[in-house]
Amino acid sequence: MPPVTLAIPKGRVNRVLAPLFQRAGIDPAPILADDRRLIRESADGRLRFLLLKPDDVPTYVEYGAADLGVSGRDVLRERRSDLYQPLDLGIGRCRMVVAGPVDAKVPPVPRVATKYPRTASEYFASHGIQAEVIYVGGSVELAPLVGLADLIVDLVESGATLRDNGLVERETIAPVSSVLIANPSLYKLRHAEIEPLIARLREAVAAG
């Protein structure tokens, strides 16, 4: 029987995911190993982990390369992937916000820099604003400082980066956290293997 495959985002999420896995009886050593392997297995061979860029996790799950995955609600909202979301893991909590320079006047058709163009466009449209949205993959806070944009849409945890760059939160679009996602077809096909794992994670979230 093939192992249950989990798509895991590389980076800081792993550090908060590891204690949750530990409480669920899942050895976190494979995802914490300091090497360049992108495919890792548990010692008993029952679980396989794919270490991916966060934006790619839903794709691997949606197309069946992974049974389960861990993804932020921000990515899922932007991608609109057809995935089952059985459990909020309660980690990676932050919020998606609209931010801009302190006391700056926003024009009727603002230019908005973000790595979430679909989400930003829909949000402003829902408020009757036809914004010009520009995709920026990183260092979004820089855009208003150099005149590229009037506003940004980005994730904020403490708000320190905004403050350090002279920006303030103007509106909150949505709270964000990391959730467990599942391929709907594989979830049904491998329910006997996947559901006990989800149940253990659910207990670990409640215990945390």
N, C-alpha and C. Protein backbone atom coordinates (compact mmCIF):
# COMPACT_ATOMS: atom_id res chain seq x y z
N MET A 1 0.85 -1.20 0.00
CA MET A 1 0.00 0.00 0.00
C MET A 1 0.89 1.25 0.00
N PRO A 2 0.66 2.19 -0.92
CA PRO A 2 1.51 3.39 -0.98
C PRO A 2 1.29 4.27 0.24
N PRO A 3 2.31 5.04 0.62
CA PRO A 3 2.16 5.93 1.77
C PRO A 3 1.17 7.05 1.49
N VAL A 4 0.58 7.58 2.53
CA VAL A 4 -0.24 8.79 2.40
C VAL A 4 0.72 9.95 2.18
N THR A 5 0.47 10.72 1.14
CA THR A 5 1.38 11.80 0.77
C THR A 5 0.83 13.15 1.20
N LEU A 6 1.66 13.90 1.91
CA LEU A 6 1.29 15.24 2.36
C LEU A 6 2.19 16.28 1.70
N ALA A 7 1.59 17.28 1.10
CA ALA A 7 2.33 18.40 0.53
C ALA A 7 2.49 19.47 1.62
N ILE A 8 3.74 19.78 1.92
CA ILE A 8 4.06 20.68 3.04
C ILE A 8 4.79 21.91 2.51
N PRO A 9 4.41 23.11 2.93
CA PRO A 9 5.13 24.30 2.49
C PRO A 9 6.50 24.41 3.15
N LYS A 10 7.50 24.70 2.36
CA LYS A 10 8.83 24.94 2.92
C LYS A 10 8.83 26.28 3.66
N GLY A 11 9.71 26.39 4.65
CA GLY A 11 9.85 27.67 5.33
C GLY A 11 9.38 27.64 6.76
N ARG A 12 8.99 28.81 7.25
CA ARG A 12 8.72 28.98 8.69
C ARG A 12 7.50 28.22 9.17
N VAL A 13 6.56 27.90 8.25
CA VAL A 13 5.39 27.14 8.67
C VAL A 13 5.80 25.80 9.27
N ASN A 14 6.88 25.22 8.74
CA ASN A 14 7.34 23.93 9.26
C ASN A 14 7.66 23.98 10.74
N ARG A 15 8.18 25.11 11.20
CA ARG A 15 8.60 25.22 12.59
C ARG A 15 7.40 25.21 13.55
N VAL A 16 6.27 25.74 13.09
CA VAL A 16 5.07 25.70 13.93
C VAL A 16 4.24 24.45 13.64
N LEU A 17 4.44 23.86 12.47
CA LEU A 17 3.74 22.62 12.13
C LEU A 17 4.32 21.43 12.89
N ALA A 18 5.63 21.46 13.13
CA ALA A 18 6.31 20.34 13.78
C ALA A 18 5.72 19.99 15.16
N PRO A 19 5.50 20.97 16.06
CA PRO A 19 4.91 20.61 17.36
C PRO A 19 3.50 20.03 17.23
N LEU A 20 2.75 20.52 16.24
CA LEU A 20 1.40 19.98 16.01
C LEU A 20 1.48 18.53 15.57
N PHE A 21 2.40 18.24 14.65
CA PHE A 21 2.61 16.86 14.22
C PHE A 21 3.01 15.98 15.40
N GLN A 22 3.89 16.51 16.25
CA GLN A 22 4.37 15.75 17.40
C GLN A 22 3.20 15.36 18.30
N ARG A 23 2.29 16.30 18.56
CA ARG A 23 1.13 16.02 19.41
C ARG A 23 0.19 15.00 18.76
N ALA A 24 0.21 14.96 17.42
CA ALA A 24 -0.65 14.03 16.69
C ALA A 24 0.00 12.66 16.50
N GLY A 25 1.19 12.49 17.06
CA GLY A 25 1.88 11.21 16.92
C GLY A 25 2.56 11.02 15.59
N ILE A 26 2.83 12.14 14.91
CA ILE A 26 3.54 12.10 13.63
C ILE A 26 4.96 12.62 13.88
N ASP A 27 5.95 11.81 13.58
CA ASP A 27 7.34 12.22 13.79
C ASP A 27 7.67 13.38 12.85
N PRO A 28 8.00 14.57 13.39
CA PRO A 28 8.29 15.72 12.53
C PRO A 28 9.71 15.74 11.97
N ALA A 29 10.54 14.75 12.35
CA ALA A 29 11.95 14.76 11.92
C ALA A 29 12.11 14.88 10.41
N PRO A 30 11.32 14.17 9.60
CA PRO A 30 11.52 14.28 8.14
C PRO A 30 11.35 15.70 7.59
N ILE A 31 10.39 16.46 8.14
CA ILE A 31 10.18 17.81 7.59
C ILE A 31 11.16 18.82 8.17
N LEU A 32 11.82 18.44 9.27
CA LEU A 32 12.78 19.36 9.90
C LEU A 32 14.22 19.08 9.49
N ALA A 33 14.45 17.97 8.79
CA ALA A 33 15.82 17.60 8.40
C ALA A 33 16.46 18.70 7.56
N ASP A 34 17.68 19.04 7.89
CA ASP A 34 18.39 20.12 7.21
C ASP A 34 19.13 19.60 5.98
N ASP A 35 18.37 19.33 4.93
CA ASP A 35 18.98 18.91 3.67
C ASP A 35 18.10 19.38 2.52
N ARG A 36 18.49 19.02 1.31
CA ARG A 36 17.80 19.55 0.13
C ARG A 36 16.81 18.58 -0.49
N ARG A 37 16.54 17.48 0.17
CA ARG A 37 15.57 16.52 -0.37
C ARG A 37 14.17 17.13 -0.38
N LEU A 38 13.48 16.97 -1.50
CA LEU A 38 12.13 17.50 -1.63
C LEU A 38 11.07 16.44 -1.36
N ILE A 39 11.48 15.17 -1.35
CA ILE A 39 10.58 14.06 -1.01
C ILE A 39 11.18 13.34 0.19
N ARG A 40 10.41 13.22 1.25
CA ARG A 40 10.90 12.58 2.47
C ARG A 40 9.84 11.62 3.01
N GLU A 41 10.27 10.58 3.68
CA GLU A 41 9.34 9.58 4.21
C GLU A 41 9.51 9.41 5.71
N SER A 42 8.43 9.03 6.35
CA SER A 42 8.50 8.71 7.78
C SER A 42 9.27 7.42 7.95
N ALA A 43 9.75 7.19 9.17
CA ALA A 43 10.57 6.00 9.43
C ALA A 43 9.81 4.71 9.16
N ASP A 44 8.49 4.71 9.38
CA ASP A 44 7.71 3.49 9.16
C ASP A 44 7.20 3.37 7.72
N GLY A 45 7.49 4.38 6.89
CA GLY A 45 7.10 4.32 5.48
C GLY A 45 5.63 4.56 5.21
N ARG A 46 4.87 4.96 6.22
CA ARG A 46 3.43 5.16 6.02
C ARG A 46 3.09 6.55 5.52
N LEU A 47 4.00 7.50 5.72
CA LEU A 47 3.77 8.88 5.29
C LEU A 47 4.89 9.34 4.39
N ARG A 48 4.53 10.10 3.38
CA ARG A 48 5.52 10.72 2.51
C ARG A 48 5.24 12.21 2.48
N PHE A 49 6.29 13.02 2.54
CA PHE A 49 6.16 14.47 2.57
C PHE A 49 6.79 15.07 1.32
N LEU A 50 6.06 15.95 0.67
CA LEU A 50 6.60 16.73 -0.44
C LEU A 50 6.81 18.15 0.06
N LEU A 51 8.05 18.64 0.00
CA LEU A 51 8.33 19.99 0.45
C LEU A 51 8.29 20.94 -0.74
N LEU A 52 7.35 21.89 -0.69
CA LEU A 52 7.04 22.73 -1.85
C LEU A 52 7.01 24.20 -1.48
N LYS A 53 7.04 25.04 -2.49
CA LYS A 53 6.74 26.45 -2.27
C LYS A 53 5.27 26.55 -1.88
N PRO A 54 4.94 27.44 -0.94
CA PRO A 54 3.55 27.52 -0.46
C PRO A 54 2.52 27.65 -1.58
N ASP A 55 2.82 28.44 -2.60
CA ASP A 55 1.86 28.65 -3.68
C ASP A 55 1.60 27.38 -4.49
N ASP A 56 2.51 26.40 -4.42
CA ASP A 56 2.36 25.19 -5.22
C ASP A 56 1.62 24.06 -4.50
N VAL A 57 1.45 24.17 -3.20
CA VAL A 57 0.81 23.09 -2.44
C VAL A 57 -0.58 22.76 -2.97
N PRO A 58 -1.48 23.74 -3.18
CA PRO A 58 -2.81 23.38 -3.68
C PRO A 58 -2.78 22.68 -5.03
N THR A 59 -1.83 23.04 -5.89
CA THR A 59 -1.74 22.42 -7.21
C THR A 59 -1.42 20.94 -7.09
N TYR A 60 -0.47 20.59 -6.25
CA TYR A 60 -0.08 19.19 -6.09
C TYR A 60 -1.21 18.37 -5.49
N VAL A 61 -1.99 18.98 -4.60
CA VAL A 61 -3.12 18.26 -4.01
C VAL A 61 -4.27 18.18 -5.01
N GLU A 62 -4.54 19.25 -5.69
CA GLU A 62 -5.68 19.28 -6.63
C GLU A 62 -5.51 18.25 -7.75
N TYR A 63 -4.27 18.08 -8.22
CA TYR A 63 -4.03 17.16 -9.33
C TYR A 63 -3.63 15.76 -8.88
N GLY A 64 -3.72 15.50 -7.58
CA GLY A 64 -3.55 14.13 -7.09
C GLY A 64 -2.13 13.67 -6.86
N ALA A 65 -1.15 14.58 -6.94
CA ALA A 65 0.22 14.20 -6.63
C ALA A 65 0.41 14.04 -5.13
N ALA A 66 -0.49 14.64 -4.35
CA ALA A 66 -0.50 14.49 -2.90
C ALA A 66 -1.93 14.26 -2.45
N ASP A 67 -2.10 13.45 -1.40
CA ASP A 67 -3.43 13.19 -0.85
C ASP A 67 -3.92 14.37 -0.01
N LEU A 68 -3.00 14.89 0.80
CA LEU A 68 -3.30 15.98 1.72
C LEU A 68 -2.26 17.08 1.57
N GLY A 69 -2.54 18.24 2.12
CA GLY A 69 -1.57 19.32 2.09
C GLY A 69 -1.86 20.31 3.20
N VAL A 70 -0.91 21.19 3.42
CA VAL A 70 -1.07 22.28 4.38
C VAL A 70 -0.93 23.58 3.60
N SER A 71 -1.98 24.40 3.64
CA SER A 71 -1.97 25.62 2.83
C SER A 71 -2.60 26.76 3.61
N GLY A 72 -2.15 27.97 3.33
CA GLY A 72 -2.74 29.15 3.94
C GLY A 72 -4.05 29.52 3.25
N ARG A 73 -4.96 30.07 4.02
CA ARG A 73 -6.24 30.49 3.44
C ARG A 73 -6.05 31.58 2.38
N ASP A 74 -4.97 32.34 2.48
CA ASP A 74 -4.70 33.38 1.49
C ASP A 74 -4.47 32.76 0.11
N VAL A 75 -3.68 31.68 0.06
CA VAL A 75 -3.39 31.01 -1.20
C VAL A 75 -4.65 30.36 -1.76
N LEU A 76 -5.42 29.72 -0.90
CA LEU A 76 -6.64 29.05 -1.35
C LEU A 76 -7.65 30.06 -1.87
N ARG A 77 -7.74 31.19 -1.20
CA ARG A 77 -8.67 32.24 -1.64
C ARG A 77 -8.28 32.77 -3.01
N GLU A 78 -6.99 32.94 -3.22
CA GLU A 78 -6.50 33.47 -4.50
C GLU A 78 -6.64 32.45 -5.62
N ARG A 79 -6.36 31.19 -5.32
CA ARG A 79 -6.31 30.16 -6.36
C ARG A 79 -7.67 29.56 -6.70
N ARG A 80 -8.61 29.61 -5.77
CA ARG A 80 -9.96 29.02 -5.98
C ARG A 80 -9.86 27.53 -6.34
N SER A 81 -8.95 26.81 -5.73
CA SER A 81 -8.77 25.39 -6.04
C SER A 81 -9.95 24.57 -5.53
N ASP A 82 -10.27 23.48 -6.24
CA ASP A 82 -11.37 22.61 -5.87
C ASP A 82 -10.87 21.57 -4.88
N LEU A 83 -10.83 21.95 -3.61
CA LEU A 83 -10.24 21.10 -2.59
C LEU A 83 -11.13 21.04 -1.36
N TYR A 84 -11.07 19.90 -0.69
CA TYR A 84 -11.75 19.72 0.58
C TYR A 84 -10.87 20.31 1.68
N GLN A 85 -11.48 21.01 2.63
CA GLN A 85 -10.74 21.64 3.72
C GLN A 85 -11.29 21.11 5.05
N PRO A 86 -10.82 19.93 5.49
CA PRO A 86 -11.42 19.30 6.66
C PRO A 86 -11.03 19.89 8.01
N LEU A 87 -9.94 20.70 8.05
CA LEU A 87 -9.46 21.11 9.38
C LEU A 87 -8.64 22.39 9.31
N ASP A 88 -9.01 23.35 10.17
CA ASP A 88 -8.17 24.53 10.38
C ASP A 88 -7.12 24.13 11.40
N LEU A 89 -5.85 24.25 11.03
CA LEU A 89 -4.77 23.79 11.90
C LEU A 89 -4.43 24.80 13.00
N GLY A 90 -4.97 25.99 12.91
CA GLY A 90 -4.76 26.97 13.97
C GLY A 90 -3.35 27.52 14.04
N ILE A 91 -2.59 27.39 12.95
CA ILE A 91 -1.22 27.93 12.92
C ILE A 91 -1.11 28.93 11.78
N GLY A 92 -0.02 29.70 11.79
CA GLY A 92 0.19 30.68 10.73
C GLY A 92 -0.85 31.78 10.73
N ARG A 93 -1.36 32.12 11.91
CA ARG A 93 -2.42 33.12 11.97
C ARG A 93 -1.90 34.52 11.65
N CYS A 94 -2.59 35.19 10.76
CA CYS A 94 -2.29 36.57 10.41
C CYS A 94 -3.54 37.14 9.76
N ARG A 95 -3.41 38.24 9.05
CA ARG A 95 -4.57 38.81 8.39
C ARG A 95 -4.15 39.44 7.07
N MET A 96 -5.06 39.43 6.12
CA MET A 96 -4.83 40.09 4.84
C MET A 96 -5.43 41.49 4.92
N VAL A 97 -4.62 42.49 4.60
CA VAL A 97 -5.07 43.86 4.79
C VAL A 97 -4.79 44.73 3.57
N VAL A 98 -5.48 45.85 3.54
CA VAL A 98 -5.15 46.94 2.63
C VAL A 98 -4.34 47.94 3.44
N ALA A 99 -3.19 48.34 2.93
CA ALA A 99 -2.33 49.29 3.65
C ALA A 99 -1.81 50.34 2.69
N GLY A 100 -1.38 51.46 3.27
CA GLY A 100 -0.83 52.54 2.46
C GLY A 100 -0.06 53.52 3.32
N PRO A 101 0.56 54.51 2.70
CA PRO A 101 1.33 55.52 3.45
C PRO A 101 0.44 56.29 4.42
N VAL A 102 1.03 56.69 5.53
CA VAL A 102 0.31 57.48 6.54
C VAL A 102 -0.17 58.78 5.93
N ASP A 103 -1.46 59.09 6.13
CA ASP A 103 -2.07 60.36 5.69
C ASP A 103 -2.08 60.58 4.18
N ALA A 104 -1.74 59.57 3.39
CA ALA A 104 -1.75 59.76 1.93
C ALA A 104 -3.19 59.75 1.40
N LYS A 105 -3.45 60.61 0.41
CA LYS A 105 -4.76 60.64 -0.23
C LYS A 105 -4.80 59.56 -1.32
N VAL A 106 -5.87 58.81 -1.32
CA VAL A 106 -6.02 57.72 -2.28
C VAL A 106 -6.89 58.21 -3.44
N PRO A 107 -6.41 58.12 -4.67
CA PRO A 107 -7.20 58.57 -5.82
C PRO A 107 -8.42 57.69 -6.06
N PRO A 108 -9.39 58.18 -6.85
CA PRO A 108 -10.60 57.40 -7.13
C PRO A 108 -10.32 56.05 -7.77
N VAL A 109 -9.28 55.99 -8.61
CA VAL A 109 -8.87 54.72 -9.21
C VAL A 109 -7.46 54.42 -8.69
N PRO A 110 -7.37 53.81 -7.53
CA PRO A 110 -6.06 53.58 -6.93
C PRO A 110 -5.29 52.48 -7.64
N ARG A 111 -3.99 52.62 -7.61
CA ARG A 111 -3.11 51.57 -8.10
C ARG A 111 -2.70 50.73 -6.89
N VAL A 112 -2.90 49.42 -6.98
CA VAL A 112 -2.71 48.54 -5.83
C VAL A 112 -1.68 47.47 -6.18
N ALA A 113 -0.62 47.38 -5.38
CA ALA A 113 0.41 46.35 -5.58
C ALA A 113 0.15 45.18 -4.64
N THR A 114 0.27 43.97 -5.15
CA THR A 114 -0.02 42.79 -4.34
C THR A 114 0.42 41.51 -5.02
N LYS A 115 0.61 40.45 -4.25
CA LYS A 115 0.82 39.12 -4.83
C LYS A 115 -0.50 38.36 -4.90
N TYR A 116 -1.59 39.05 -4.57
CA TYR A 116 -2.93 38.46 -4.61
C TYR A 116 -3.84 39.27 -5.54
N PRO A 117 -3.56 39.29 -6.84
CA PRO A 117 -4.32 40.16 -7.74
C PRO A 117 -5.81 39.84 -7.82
N ARG A 118 -6.17 38.57 -7.82
CA ARG A 118 -7.59 38.22 -7.91
C ARG A 118 -8.33 38.67 -6.65
N THR A 119 -7.76 38.37 -5.50
CA THR A 119 -8.38 38.74 -4.24
C THR A 119 -8.52 40.25 -4.13
N ALA A 120 -7.46 40.97 -4.50
CA ALA A 120 -7.49 42.43 -4.40
C ALA A 120 -8.53 43.02 -5.35
N SER A 121 -8.57 42.55 -6.58
CA SER A 121 -9.53 43.07 -7.56
C SER A 121 -10.96 42.85 -7.09
N GLU A 122 -11.24 41.65 -6.58
CA GLU A 122 -12.59 41.34 -6.13
C GLU A 122 -12.97 42.16 -4.90
N TYR A 123 -11.99 42.37 -4.02
CA TYR A 123 -12.29 43.14 -2.81
C TYR A 123 -12.64 44.58 -3.15
N PHE A 124 -11.83 45.21 -3.97
CA PHE A 124 -12.10 46.61 -4.32
C PHE A 124 -13.39 46.73 -5.14
N ALA A 125 -13.61 45.77 -6.04
CA ALA A 125 -14.84 45.80 -6.85
C ALA A 125 -16.08 45.68 -5.95
N SER A 126 -15.97 44.88 -4.88
CA SER A 126 -17.10 44.72 -3.97
C SER A 126 -17.42 46.01 -3.22
N HIS A 127 -16.45 46.94 -3.21
CA HIS A 127 -16.65 48.24 -2.58
C HIS A 127 -16.89 49.33 -3.62
N GLY A 128 -17.15 48.91 -4.86
CA GLY A 128 -17.45 49.87 -5.92
C GLY A 128 -16.25 50.63 -6.43
N ILE A 129 -15.05 50.06 -6.23
CA ILE A 129 -13.82 50.74 -6.66
C ILE A 129 -13.15 49.91 -7.75
N GLN A 130 -12.91 50.53 -8.90
CA GLN A 130 -12.24 49.83 -10.00
C GLN A 130 -10.74 50.09 -9.90
N ALA A 131 -10.07 49.32 -9.07
CA ALA A 131 -8.65 49.54 -8.83
C ALA A 131 -7.80 49.00 -9.97
N GLU A 132 -6.64 49.61 -10.16
CA GLU A 132 -5.63 49.08 -11.08
C GLU A 132 -4.68 48.22 -10.25
N VAL A 133 -4.74 46.91 -10.45
CA VAL A 133 -3.99 45.99 -9.61
C VAL A 133 -2.71 45.55 -10.33
N ILE A 134 -1.60 45.64 -9.63
CA ILE A 134 -0.29 45.28 -10.17
C ILE A 134 0.26 44.11 -9.37
N TYR A 135 0.66 43.06 -10.08
CA TYR A 135 1.25 41.91 -9.38
C TYR A 135 2.69 42.22 -8.98
N VAL A 136 2.99 42.02 -7.69
CA VAL A 136 4.34 42.15 -7.15
C VAL A 136 4.60 40.92 -6.29
N GLY A 137 5.66 40.18 -6.58
CA GLY A 137 5.90 38.92 -5.90
C GLY A 137 6.52 39.02 -4.53
N GLY A 138 7.21 40.10 -4.23
CA GLY A 138 7.88 40.25 -2.94
C GLY A 138 8.18 41.70 -2.63
N SER A 139 8.52 41.99 -1.38
CA SER A 139 8.80 43.35 -0.92
C SER A 139 7.69 44.31 -1.35
N VAL A 140 6.46 43.89 -1.11
CA VAL A 140 5.29 44.67 -1.54
C VAL A 140 5.28 46.04 -0.87
N GLU A 141 5.81 46.12 0.35
CA GLU A 141 5.79 47.39 1.08
C GLU A 141 6.56 48.50 0.36
N LEU A 142 7.48 48.11 -0.53
CA LEU A 142 8.28 49.09 -1.25
C LEU A 142 7.46 49.87 -2.27
N ALA A 143 6.43 49.25 -2.81
CA ALA A 143 5.69 49.83 -3.94
C ALA A 143 5.16 51.25 -3.68
N PRO A 144 4.51 51.52 -2.53
CA PRO A 144 4.03 52.89 -2.31
C PRO A 144 5.16 53.88 -2.04
N LEU A 145 6.29 53.39 -1.58
CA LEU A 145 7.39 54.28 -1.22
C LEU A 145 8.09 54.86 -2.43
N VAL A 146 7.99 54.17 -3.56
CA VAL A 146 8.67 54.63 -4.77
C VAL A 146 7.69 55.05 -5.86
N GLY A 147 6.41 55.15 -5.49
CA GLY A 147 5.42 55.63 -6.44
C GLY A 147 4.85 54.59 -7.39
N LEU A 148 5.17 53.33 -7.17
CA LEU A 148 4.61 52.28 -8.03
C LEU A 148 3.13 52.09 -7.77
N ALA A 149 2.71 52.27 -6.51
CA ALA A 149 1.32 52.02 -6.15
C ALA A 149 0.88 52.99 -5.07
N ASP A 150 -0.44 53.16 -4.96
CA ASP A 150 -1.01 53.99 -3.89
C ASP A 150 -1.24 53.16 -2.64
N LEU A 151 -1.60 51.89 -2.85
CA LEU A 151 -1.93 51.00 -1.76
C LEU A 151 -1.31 49.63 -2.01
N ILE A 152 -1.30 48.82 -0.97
CA ILE A 152 -0.90 47.42 -1.13
C ILE A 152 -1.95 46.52 -0.48
N VAL A 153 -2.01 45.29 -0.93
CA VAL A 153 -2.77 44.24 -0.25
C VAL A 153 -1.76 43.17 0.10
N ASP A 154 -1.63 42.89 1.40
CA ASP A 154 -0.59 41.95 1.83
C ASP A 154 -0.99 41.32 3.16
N LEU A 155 -0.21 40.33 3.57
CA LEU A 155 -0.42 39.68 4.85
C LEU A 155 0.32 40.44 5.95
N VAL A 156 -0.30 40.53 7.10
CA VAL A 156 0.28 41.23 8.24
C VAL A 156 0.12 40.37 9.47
N GLU A 157 1.19 40.25 10.25
CA GLU A 157 1.10 39.52 11.52
C GLU A 157 1.13 40.51 12.67
N SER A 158 2.27 41.14 12.89
CA SER A 158 2.37 42.12 13.97
C SER A 158 2.19 43.56 13.47
N GLY A 159 2.42 43.76 12.19
CA GLY A 159 2.35 45.11 11.63
C GLY A 159 3.66 45.87 11.70
N ALA A 160 4.70 45.23 12.23
CA ALA A 160 5.99 45.92 12.41
C ALA A 160 6.60 46.35 11.08
N THR A 161 6.53 45.47 10.07
CA THR A 161 7.12 45.81 8.78
C THR A 161 6.43 47.01 8.15
N LEU A 162 5.11 47.08 8.29
CA LEU A 162 4.38 48.25 7.78
C LEU A 162 4.85 49.51 8.49
N ARG A 163 4.89 49.46 9.81
CA ARG A 163 5.29 50.65 10.57
C ARG A 163 6.71 51.08 10.23
N ASP A 164 7.61 50.13 10.08
CA ASP A 164 9.00 50.46 9.77
C ASP A 164 9.14 51.14 8.41
N ASN A 165 8.15 50.94 7.55
CA ASN A 165 8.20 51.54 6.22
C ASN A 165 7.18 52.67 6.04
N GLY A 166 6.68 53.18 7.15
CA GLY A 166 5.79 54.33 7.10
C GLY A 166 4.41 54.03 6.54
N LEU A 167 3.97 52.78 6.67
CA LEU A 167 2.66 52.39 6.16
C LEU A 167 1.72 52.06 7.32
N VAL A 168 0.43 52.20 7.06
CA VAL A 168 -0.57 51.88 8.07
C VAL A 168 -1.65 50.99 7.45
N GLU A 169 -2.23 50.17 8.29
CA GLU A 169 -3.36 49.35 7.84
C GLU A 169 -4.58 50.25 7.66
N ARG A 170 -5.28 50.05 6.56
CA ARG A 170 -6.50 50.82 6.31
C ARG A 170 -7.75 49.96 6.47
N GLU A 171 -7.69 48.75 5.99
CA GLU A 171 -8.85 47.85 6.08
C GLU A 171 -8.34 46.41 6.20
N THR A 172 -9.12 45.59 6.87
CA THR A 172 -8.84 44.16 6.93
C THR A 172 -9.74 43.44 5.94
N ILE A 173 -9.13 42.65 5.06
CA ILE A 173 -9.89 41.88 4.08
C ILE A 173 -10.38 40.57 4.68
N ALA A 174 -9.48 39.84 5.35
CA ALA A 174 -9.88 38.54 5.91
C ALA A 174 -8.81 38.04 6.86
N PRO A 175 -9.22 37.28 7.89
CA PRO A 175 -8.24 36.58 8.72
C PRO A 175 -7.66 35.41 7.92
N VAL A 176 -6.42 35.05 8.24
CA VAL A 176 -5.73 33.99 7.51
C VAL A 176 -5.13 33.02 8.52
N SER A 177 -5.19 31.74 8.20
CA SER A 177 -4.52 30.70 8.98
C SER A 177 -4.21 29.55 8.04
N SER A 178 -3.45 28.58 8.52
CA SER A 178 -3.12 27.41 7.71
C SER A 178 -4.16 26.32 7.94
N VAL A 179 -4.59 25.69 6.85
CA VAL A 179 -5.61 24.65 6.94
C VAL A 179 -5.10 23.37 6.28
N LEU A 180 -5.68 22.26 6.70
CA LEU A 180 -5.41 20.99 6.04
C LEU A 180 -6.32 20.88 4.84
N ILE A 181 -5.75 20.55 3.68
CA ILE A 181 -6.55 20.40 2.48
C ILE A 181 -6.42 18.96 1.97
N ALA A 182 -7.43 18.53 1.23
CA ALA A 182 -7.44 17.16 0.72
C ALA A 182 -7.98 17.14 -0.70
N ASN A 183 -7.43 16.24 -1.50
CA ASN A 183 -7.97 15.98 -2.82
C ASN A 183 -9.30 15.24 -2.63
N PRO A 184 -10.41 15.79 -3.12
CA PRO A 184 -11.72 15.17 -2.85
C PRO A 184 -11.81 13.71 -3.30
N SER A 185 -11.28 13.39 -4.48
CA SER A 185 -11.37 12.02 -4.99
C SER A 185 -10.53 11.07 -4.16
N LEU A 186 -9.30 11.49 -3.85
CA LEU A 186 -8.41 10.63 -3.06
C LEU A 186 -8.91 10.48 -1.63
N TYR A 187 -9.55 11.53 -1.12
CA TYR A 187 -10.10 11.45 0.24
C TYR A 187 -11.15 10.34 0.31
N LYS A 188 -11.98 10.25 -0.71
CA LYS A 188 -13.00 9.19 -0.75
C LYS A 188 -12.35 7.83 -0.98
N LEU A 189 -11.39 7.77 -1.90
CA LEU A 189 -10.75 6.50 -2.26
C LEU A 189 -9.93 5.93 -1.11
N ARG A 190 -9.24 6.80 -0.36
CA ARG A 190 -8.34 6.37 0.70
C ARG A 190 -8.86 6.80 2.08
N HIS A 191 -10.16 6.87 2.22
CA HIS A 191 -10.77 7.37 3.44
C HIS A 191 -10.31 6.60 4.68
N ALA A 192 -10.19 5.29 4.55
CA ALA A 192 -9.81 4.46 5.70
C ALA A 192 -8.41 4.79 6.21
N GLU A 193 -7.55 5.28 5.34
CA GLU A 193 -6.19 5.65 5.75
C GLU A 193 -6.09 7.11 6.16
N ILE A 194 -6.83 7.96 5.45
CA ILE A 194 -6.70 9.40 5.65
C ILE A 194 -7.48 9.89 6.87
N GLU A 195 -8.68 9.38 7.08
CA GLU A 195 -9.53 9.90 8.15
C GLU A 195 -8.91 9.72 9.54
N PRO A 196 -8.28 8.57 9.86
CA PRO A 196 -7.64 8.47 11.18
C PRO A 196 -6.53 9.51 11.38
N LEU A 197 -5.81 9.82 10.31
CA LEU A 197 -4.75 10.83 10.39
C LEU A 197 -5.36 12.20 10.67
N ILE A 198 -6.44 12.51 9.98
CA ILE A 198 -7.12 13.79 10.21
C ILE A 198 -7.66 13.86 11.65
N ALA A 199 -8.19 12.74 12.12
CA ALA A 199 -8.72 12.71 13.49
C ALA A 199 -7.62 12.98 14.52
N ARG A 200 -6.46 12.43 14.30
CA ARG A 200 -5.33 12.69 15.22
C ARG A 200 -4.91 14.15 15.18
N LEU A 201 -4.90 14.72 13.99
CA LEU A 201 -4.53 16.13 13.86
C LEU A 201 -5.59 17.02 14.52
N ARG A 202 -6.86 16.62 14.38
CA ARG A 202 -7.93 17.39 14.99
C ARG A 202 -7.79 17.40 16.52
N GLU A 203 -7.45 16.25 17.09
CA GLU A 203 -7.23 16.15 18.54
C GLU A 203 -6.01 16.99 18.95
N ALA A 204 -4.97 16.99 18.10
CA ALA A 204 -3.76 17.76 18.41
C ALA A 204 -4.04 19.25 18.39
N VAL A 205 -4.87 19.70 17.44
CA VAL A 205 -5.25 21.11 17.38
C VAL A 205 -6.03 21.49 18.64
N ALA A 206 -6.98 20.65 19.04
CA ALA A 206 -7.79 20.92 20.23
C ALA A 206 -6.93 20.94 21.49
N ALA A 207 -5.90 20.08 21.52
CA ALA A 207 -5.02 20.00 22.71
C ALA A 207 -4.05 21.16 22.77
N GLY A 208 -3.82 21.80 21.62
CA GLY A 208 -2.83 22.89 21.58
C GLY A 208 -3.33 24.17 22.15
